[in-house]
Protein backbone atom coordinates (compact mmCIF):
# COMPACT_ATOMS: atom_id res chain seq x y z
CA MET A 1 -8.24 -63.79 18.97
CA ALA A 2 -11.40 -64.11 16.91
CA ASP A 3 -14.58 -65.64 18.30
CA ILE A 4 -15.36 -68.93 16.62
CA LEU A 5 -18.81 -70.48 16.47
CA ASN A 6 -18.30 -74.24 16.64
CA PRO A 7 -21.35 -76.35 15.79
CA LYS A 8 -19.86 -79.61 17.14
CA ARG A 9 -17.21 -79.70 19.84
CA LYS A 10 -16.52 -81.51 23.07
CA TYR A 11 -17.44 -78.36 24.98
CA TYR A 12 -21.11 -77.56 25.44
CA CYS A 13 -23.33 -75.61 27.81
CA PRO A 14 -23.87 -77.61 30.99
CA ARG A 15 -27.12 -75.71 31.63
CA CYS A 16 -29.04 -76.22 28.39
CA GLY A 17 -26.85 -78.72 26.49
CA ASN A 18 -26.26 -76.28 23.62
CA GLU A 19 -23.30 -77.43 21.52
CA ARG A 20 -23.14 -74.20 19.50
CA ILE A 21 -20.73 -72.22 21.64
CA ILE A 22 -18.58 -69.15 21.13
CA ASP A 23 -14.99 -70.19 21.77
CA TYR A 24 -12.60 -67.74 23.47
CA GLY A 25 -9.65 -70.08 23.92
CA GLU A 26 -9.66 -70.84 27.65
CA SER A 27 -13.38 -70.20 28.05
CA PHE A 28 -16.57 -70.20 25.99
CA ASP A 29 -19.97 -68.54 25.95
CA CYS A 30 -23.34 -70.13 25.45
CA PRO A 31 -25.29 -67.72 23.23
CA LYS A 32 -28.55 -69.33 24.33
CA CYS A 33 -28.01 -69.03 28.13
CA ARG A 34 -25.65 -66.06 27.88
CA GLN A 35 -23.24 -67.54 30.39
CA ARG A 36 -19.48 -68.07 30.13
CA PHE A 37 -17.74 -71.25 31.28
CA GLU A 38 -14.08 -72.16 31.76
CA LYS A 39 -12.83 -75.10 29.71
CA GLU A 40 -10.62 -76.35 32.53
CA ASP A 41 -13.78 -77.18 34.52
CA PHE A 42 -14.86 -79.55 31.72
CA ASP A 43 -11.35 -80.96 31.38
CA SER A 44 -11.20 -81.74 35.12
CA GLY A 45 -14.03 -84.27 34.81
CA LEU A 46 -16.70 -82.44 36.82
CA ASP A 47 -20.33 -83.45 36.28
CA ASP A 48 -22.50 -80.90 34.46
CA ASP A 49 -24.31 -79.94 37.66
CA GLU A 50 -20.95 -79.24 39.36
CA ILE A 51 -19.73 -76.80 36.70
CA LEU A 52 -20.26 -73.16 37.62
CA SER A 53 -20.33 -70.34 35.12
CA ILE A 54 -17.81 -67.55 35.59
CA GLU A 55 -20.68 -65.30 36.69
CA GLU A 56 -21.75 -67.84 39.35
CA LYS A 57 -18.16 -68.10 40.62
CA LEU A 58 -17.92 -64.32 40.91
CA GLU A 59 -21.23 -64.12 42.79
CA PHE A 60 -20.12 -66.88 45.17
CA SER A 61 -16.84 -65.03 45.74
CA LYS A 62 -18.70 -61.79 46.53
CA ILE A 63 -20.89 -63.55 49.09
CA PHE A 64 -17.93 -65.34 50.65
CA ASN A 65 -15.87 -62.16 50.87
CA SER A 66 -18.75 -60.11 52.32
CA ASP A 67 -19.27 -62.74 55.05
CA LYS A 68 -15.55 -62.69 55.73
CA ASP A 69 -15.57 -58.89 56.12
CA THR A 70 -18.25 -59.02 58.83
CA ASP A 71 -16.15 -61.23 61.15
């Protein structure tokens, strides 16, 4: 699947508001913030400040799993 740079789309970066995203189908990158977001988070109706990037989700998962391992 080719990366597509879409100047106007309903998906945008919830961090900086950039509407020029790189579309990967189920997710997209913000070239300005260099973060990737999942489209299903936007489609679910979350507020911008509730949407986590994939990187943030992975970091949260690492922290959660490391706390779980110490029990």
